[in-house]
Amino acid sequence: MAKKSAVARDLKRRKMIDQYADKRAELKKLGDREGLHLLPRNSSPTRLKNRCLETGRPRAFMRQFGLSRLSFREHASKGEIPGVTKASW
């Protein structure tokens, strides 16, 4: 489990990105670099880190499922992810 502060910080960034998305797009369209510079740093989408929805783990993240490899394996073994089966040969 990731630190709660790291997960909370990431949620805060997600909210800020959504809040400033329209303004950021408008400034980019106008080419106003100084206006973009005045926006908060955390409103930039590049500062966002992909994290597991369950554990908050930042590494080994699978975008298609929104889970880390560990959470994915648990759910796949239990048959909770549709279309995913454990390979055997």
Protein backbone atom coordinates (compact mmCIF):
# COMPACT_ATOMS: atom_id res chain seq x y z
CA MET A 1 0.00 0.00 0.00
CA ALA A 2 1.34 3.40 -0.98
CA LYS A 3 1.59 6.22 1.51
CA LYS A 4 -1.75 7.90 1.98
CA SER A 5 -0.13 11.30 1.50
CA ALA A 6 1.13 10.32 -1.97
CA VAL A 7 -2.31 9.07 -3.01
CA ALA A 8 -3.97 12.22 -1.62
CA ARG A 9 -1.46 14.43 -3.44
CA ASP A 10 -2.23 12.64 -6.70
CA LEU A 11 -5.98 13.09 -6.19
CA LYS A 12 -5.43 16.78 -5.53
CA ARG A 13 -3.48 17.05 -8.80
CA ARG A 14 -6.25 15.28 -10.72
CA LYS A 15 -8.83 17.76 -9.43
CA MET A 16 -6.60 20.71 -10.29
CA ILE A 17 -5.98 19.38 -13.80
CA ASP A 18 -9.74 19.12 -14.39
CA GLN A 19 -10.30 22.58 -12.92
CA TYR A 20 -7.80 24.34 -15.20
CA ALA A 21 -8.19 22.18 -18.35
CA ASP A 22 -10.37 24.67 -20.26
CA LYS A 23 -8.24 27.67 -19.36
CA ARG A 24 -5.04 25.80 -20.24
CA ALA A 25 -6.42 24.75 -23.63
CA GLU A 26 -7.51 28.31 -24.38
CA LEU A 27 -4.10 29.75 -23.49
CA LYS A 28 -2.35 27.12 -25.59
CA LYS A 29 -4.61 27.93 -28.53
CA LEU A 30 -3.71 31.63 -28.23
CA GLY A 31 -0.02 30.81 -27.77
CA ASP A 32 0.10 32.78 -24.51
CA ARG A 33 3.19 31.31 -22.83
CA GLU A 34 3.20 33.90 -20.04
CA GLY A 35 -0.41 33.08 -19.18
CA LEU A 36 0.44 29.39 -19.04
CA HIS A 37 3.37 30.18 -16.79
CA LEU A 38 1.03 31.89 -14.31
CA LEU A 39 -1.14 28.77 -13.89
CA PRO A 40 -0.37 26.48 -10.91
CA ARG A 41 2.28 23.85 -11.57
CA ASN A 42 0.03 21.01 -10.48
CA SER A 43 -2.54 21.94 -13.12
CA SER A 44 -0.25 20.52 -15.80
CA PRO A 45 -1.24 17.00 -16.94
CA THR A 46 2.40 15.95 -17.20
CA ARG A 47 2.73 16.11 -13.41
CA LEU A 48 0.15 13.35 -13.03
CA LYS A 49 1.38 9.90 -12.02
CA ASN A 50 -0.53 6.75 -12.92
CA ARG A 51 -1.38 4.82 -9.75
CA CYS A 52 -3.25 1.63 -8.96
CA LEU A 53 -6.87 2.32 -8.02
CA GLU A 54 -6.75 -0.10 -5.10
CA THR A 55 -3.29 0.14 -3.59
CA GLY A 56 -1.93 3.41 -4.95
CA ARG A 57 1.18 1.63 -6.22
CA PRO A 58 2.94 3.83 -8.83
CA ARG A 59 5.03 1.13 -10.49
CA ALA A 60 3.98 -1.76 -12.73
CA PHE A 61 0.73 0.03 -13.61
CA MET A 62 -1.47 -1.53 -16.29
CA ARG A 63 -3.35 1.27 -18.06
CA GLN A 64 -5.97 -0.95 -19.61
CA PHE A 65 -7.22 -2.06 -16.20
CA GLY A 66 -6.13 0.79 -13.92
CA LEU A 67 -4.43 -1.68 -11.59
CA SER A 68 -0.91 -2.62 -10.63
CA ARG A 69 0.39 -6.03 -11.66
CA LEU A 70 -0.14 -7.37 -8.14
CA SER A 71 -3.79 -6.31 -7.89
CA PHE A 72 -4.37 -7.44 -11.47
CA ARG A 73 -3.01 -10.92 -10.70
CA GLU A 74 -5.23 -11.28 -7.64
CA HIS A 75 -8.38 -10.28 -9.51
CA ALA A 76 -7.50 -12.40 -12.57
CA SER A 77 -6.91 -15.47 -10.40
CA LYS A 78 -10.31 -15.01 -8.76
CA GLY A 79 -11.94 -14.57 -12.19
CA GLU A 80 -13.15 -11.05 -11.40
CA ILE A 81 -11.80 -9.49 -14.64
CA PRO A 82 -13.92 -10.42 -17.66
CA GLY A 83 -12.02 -11.88 -20.60
CA VAL A 84 -8.85 -12.59 -18.62
CA THR A 85 -7.83 -16.15 -17.83
CA LYS A 86 -4.68 -17.62 -16.37
CA ALA A 87 -2.51 -19.17 -19.03
CA SER A 88 -1.66 -22.85 -18.79
CA TRP A 89 0.21 -25.05 -21.26
